[in-house]
């Protein structure tokens, strides 16, 4: 599941390096029924499971929410692999400059105004979704988080209540929660020179749990 760029192309190198494992990547779906749609797409590829879901940044939160739907349909998710994702237990206000920087970086990749506008809408929709939706309830799947060089994340609102927490995922699974120290800053984890070490860690997790 994609980071806040809303685009799955950033997973191209990971997919190549994780062969022969099959790797399916999704763009951000703008429809309000996105979580059920993701679950439909997954079960259309493999109607039985069990599944192993992966998400980077906000994609980890989507993976968690899709797992809830799949499990509610009596389909098993063995593991959720998150790349530097944190649990949201309160509404989050993202810095406007962060969103605008991502939009400008993405728009620079396209000469077509139509495509620029398409990606702008997708990113704005993704940020709005991540600001409002909370990570409640629990899953049966094991949760793994590959940390950036900054380590565990914890943010508080103005009242002092914790609203974003990496450690919070420990309260979201009936099985195990494990963290791994990855390589690179948050925005650089899928790029060289950090990519190889991070893929090695992901491969070890997949191999041990397959």
Protein backbone atom coordinates (compact mmCIF):
# COMPACT_ATOMS: atom_id res chain seq x y z
CA UNK A 1 0.00 0.00 0.00
CA UNK A 2 1.38 3.39 -1.01
CA UNK A 3 2.99 6.15 1.04
CA UNK A 4 1.47 9.62 1.05
CA UNK A 5 2.50 10.22 -2.55
CA UNK A 6 -0.45 7.92 -3.27
CA UNK A 7 1.58 6.11 -5.92
CA UNK A 8 2.77 2.49 -6.04
CA UNK A 9 5.70 3.05 -8.42
CA UNK A 10 8.07 3.52 -5.49
CA UNK A 11 7.80 -0.22 -4.82
CA UNK A 12 9.30 -1.22 -8.18
CA UNK A 13 12.79 -1.89 -6.84
CA UNK A 14 11.50 -3.75 -3.76
CA UNK A 15 9.33 -5.98 -5.93
CA UNK A 16 12.31 -6.79 -8.14
CA UNK A 17 14.55 -7.61 -5.18
CA UNK A 18 11.96 -9.79 -3.44
CA UNK A 19 11.58 -12.21 -6.33
CA UNK A 20 10.47 -15.00 -6.56
CA UNK A 21 7.79 -13.78 -4.12
CA UNK A 22 4.78 -12.29 -5.93
CA UNK A 23 4.37 -8.59 -5.12
CA UNK A 24 1.16 -6.64 -5.83
CA UNK A 25 1.15 -2.87 -5.29
CA UNK A 26 -1.76 -0.44 -5.19
CA UNK A 27 -2.20 3.27 -5.77
CA UNK A 28 -4.28 5.22 -3.28
CA UNK A 29 -7.99 4.75 -4.03
CA UNK A 30 -9.90 8.02 -3.70
CA UNK A 31 -13.30 6.39 -3.18
CA UNK A 32 -14.64 6.37 0.40
CA UNK A 33 -15.06 2.58 0.03
CA UNK A 34 -11.31 2.21 -0.54
CA UNK A 35 -10.62 -0.28 2.27
CA UNK A 36 -13.29 -2.73 1.11
CA UNK A 37 -12.11 -2.25 -2.48
CA UNK A 38 -8.54 -3.12 -1.51
CA UNK A 39 -9.82 -6.26 0.23
CA UNK A 40 -11.79 -7.16 -2.91
CA UNK A 41 -8.68 -6.73 -5.08
CA UNK A 42 -6.60 -8.94 -2.79
CA UNK A 43 -9.16 -11.74 -2.62
CA UNK A 44 -9.64 -11.58 -6.40
CA UNK A 45 -5.95 -12.44 -6.84
CA UNK A 46 -5.98 -15.15 -4.16
CA UNK A 47 -9.41 -16.08 -2.76
CA UNK A 48 -8.01 -18.22 0.07
CA UNK A 49 -4.94 -16.58 1.64
CA UNK A 50 -3.27 -16.36 4.04
CA UNK A 51 -1.97 -12.94 3.04
CA UNK A 52 1.07 -10.91 3.98
CA UNK A 53 0.43 -7.17 3.61
CA UNK A 54 3.05 -4.43 3.36
CA UNK A 55 2.74 -0.67 3.61
CA UNK A 56 5.15 2.24 3.74
CA UNK A 57 4.34 5.26 5.92
CA UNK A 58 0.56 5.83 5.61
CA UNK A 59 0.43 2.61 3.61
CA UNK A 60 1.08 0.69 6.82
CA UNK A 61 -2.07 2.19 8.32
CA UNK A 62 -4.03 1.17 5.24
CA UNK A 63 -2.60 -2.36 5.48
CA UNK A 64 -3.82 -2.57 9.08
CA UNK A 65 -7.31 -1.39 8.14
CA UNK A 66 -7.53 -3.77 5.16
CA UNK A 67 -6.48 -6.61 7.46
CA UNK A 68 -9.49 -5.88 9.66
CA UNK A 69 -11.81 -6.25 6.67
CA UNK A 70 -10.15 -9.44 5.43
CA UNK A 71 -10.31 -11.01 8.88
CA UNK A 72 -13.97 -10.01 9.19
CA UNK A 73 -14.51 -12.01 5.99
CA UNK A 74 -12.84 -15.03 7.66
CA UNK A 75 -9.71 -14.63 5.53
CA UNK A 76 -6.36 -14.92 7.29
CA UNK A 77 -3.60 -12.32 7.22
CA UNK A 78 -0.46 -13.85 8.68
CA UNK A 79 1.62 -10.67 8.93
CA UNK A 80 1.54 -6.92 8.35
CA UNK A 81 4.91 -5.43 7.36
CA UNK A 82 5.07 -1.69 7.96
CA UNK A 83 7.88 0.55 6.80
CA UNK A 84 8.07 3.37 9.34
CA UNK A 85 4.33 3.54 10.07
CA UNK A 86 2.74 4.74 13.31
CA UNK A 87 -0.67 4.08 14.80
CA UNK A 88 -3.14 6.99 14.81
CA UNK A 89 -5.36 7.16 17.89
CA UNK A 90 -6.33 10.81 17.45
CA UNK A 91 -6.97 13.19 14.58
CA UNK A 92 -3.72 14.43 13.06
CA UNK A 93 -3.00 17.84 11.55
CA UNK A 94 -0.29 17.42 8.95
CA UNK A 95 1.89 20.46 8.15
CA UNK A 96 0.59 22.14 4.99
CA UNK A 97 4.15 22.66 3.78
CA UNK A 98 4.77 18.91 3.90
CA UNK A 99 1.76 18.20 1.69
CA UNK A 100 2.64 20.98 -0.74
CA UNK A 101 6.25 19.79 -0.99
CA UNK A 102 5.12 16.28 -1.92
CA UNK A 103 2.65 17.66 -4.45
CA UNK A 104 5.29 19.84 -6.10
CA UNK A 105 7.80 16.96 -6.20
CA UNK A 106 5.24 14.69 -7.86
CA UNK A 107 3.96 17.34 -10.29
CA UNK A 108 7.54 17.94 -11.46
CA UNK A 109 7.58 14.40 -12.88
CA UNK A 110 4.83 15.17 -15.41
CA UNK A 111 4.54 17.69 -18.21
CA UNK A 112 0.83 16.99 -18.67
CA UNK A 113 -1.34 19.37 -16.67
CA UNK A 114 -4.04 16.68 -16.60
CA UNK A 115 -1.69 14.23 -14.88
CA UNK A 116 -0.39 16.92 -12.54
CA UNK A 117 -3.93 17.71 -11.45
CA UNK A 118 -4.78 14.01 -11.10
CA UNK A 119 -1.88 13.38 -8.74
CA UNK A 120 -2.58 16.57 -6.81
CA UNK A 121 -6.16 15.42 -6.13
CA UNK A 122 -4.95 11.98 -5.10
CA UNK A 123 -2.40 13.32 -2.62
CA UNK A 124 -4.87 15.82 -1.13
CA UNK A 125 -7.43 13.03 -0.76
CA UNK A 126 -4.87 10.78 0.94
CA UNK A 127 -3.86 13.48 3.43
CA UNK A 128 -7.49 14.21 4.27
CA UNK A 129 -8.10 10.51 4.85
CA UNK A 130 -5.04 10.09 7.08
CA UNK A 131 -6.01 13.14 9.12
CA UNK A 132 -9.46 11.80 9.99
CA UNK A 133 -9.40 8.00 10.19
CA UNK A 134 -8.18 6.29 13.36
CA UNK A 135 -6.55 2.91 13.91
CA UNK A 136 -8.99 1.32 16.32
CA UNK A 137 -9.78 -2.27 17.24
CA UNK A 138 -7.35 -5.18 16.83
CA UNK A 139 -6.18 -7.75 14.32
CA UNK A 140 -4.98 -11.32 14.63
CA UNK A 141 -2.07 -10.78 12.25
CA UNK A 142 1.48 -10.29 13.50
CA UNK A 143 2.70 -6.71 13.10
CA UNK A 144 6.28 -5.87 12.09
CA UNK A 145 7.60 -2.30 11.82
CA UNK A 146 10.83 -1.43 10.02
CA UNK A 147 12.00 1.81 11.66
CA UNK A 148 13.76 4.72 10.00
CA UNK A 149 16.95 6.12 11.50
CA UNK A 150 14.79 8.34 13.73
CA UNK A 151 13.49 5.29 15.59
CA UNK A 152 10.15 5.08 17.36
CA UNK A 153 7.67 7.92 16.81
CA UNK A 154 5.39 9.52 19.40
CA UNK A 155 3.34 12.71 18.94
CA UNK A 156 0.94 14.45 21.30
CA UNK A 157 -1.92 16.89 20.78
CA UNK A 158 -2.22 20.24 22.57
CA UNK A 159 -3.82 18.60 25.58
CA UNK A 160 -0.89 16.22 26.02
CA UNK A 161 -2.75 13.15 24.73
CA UNK A 162 -0.68 10.80 22.57
CA UNK A 163 -2.24 10.62 19.11
CA UNK A 164 0.52 9.05 16.99
CA UNK A 165 2.72 6.23 18.22
CA UNK A 166 4.81 3.46 16.71
CA UNK A 167 4.68 1.49 19.96
CA UNK A 168 0.90 1.78 19.85
CA UNK A 169 0.78 -1.05 17.31
CA UNK A 170 1.61 -3.41 20.18
CA UNK A 171 -1.94 -2.83 21.44
CA UNK A 172 -3.41 -3.56 18.00
CA UNK A 173 -2.53 -7.22 17.56
CA UNK A 174 -3.55 -10.35 19.42
CA UNK A 175 -0.23 -11.92 18.43
CA UNK A 176 3.23 -10.35 18.26
CA UNK A 177 4.53 -6.84 17.57
CA UNK A 178 8.18 -6.57 16.50
CA UNK A 179 10.35 -3.63 15.44
CA UNK A 180 13.52 -3.71 13.34
CA UNK A 181 16.07 -0.93 12.94
CA UNK A 182 16.11 0.00 9.28
CA UNK A 183 18.46 2.19 7.29
CA UNK A 184 17.96 5.81 6.24
CA UNK A 185 15.64 8.71 6.98
CA UNK A 186 11.90 8.20 6.53
CA UNK A 187 11.77 9.59 2.98
CA UNK A 188 14.89 7.71 1.85
CA UNK A 189 14.18 4.14 2.95
CA UNK A 190 13.17 2.87 -0.51
CA UNK A 191 16.18 4.37 -2.27
CA UNK A 192 19.86 3.50 -2.50
CA UNK A 193 22.05 3.27 -0.52
CA UNK A 194 19.42 2.39 2.13
CA UNK A 195 17.27 0.12 -0.01
CA UNK A 196 19.46 -3.00 0.07
CA UNK A 197 19.65 -3.29 3.85
CA UNK A 198 15.94 -2.61 4.25
CA UNK A 199 15.00 -5.22 1.64
CA UNK A 200 17.27 -7.72 3.38
CA UNK A 201 15.34 -7.20 6.61
CA UNK A 202 12.00 -7.55 4.81
CA UNK A 203 13.18 -10.75 3.13
CA UNK A 204 14.23 -12.25 6.48
CA UNK A 205 10.81 -11.46 7.95
CA UNK A 206 9.02 -13.00 4.97
CA UNK A 207 11.25 -16.07 4.95
CA UNK A 208 10.79 -16.72 8.67
CA UNK A 209 7.01 -16.37 8.49
CA UNK A 210 6.29 -18.08 5.19
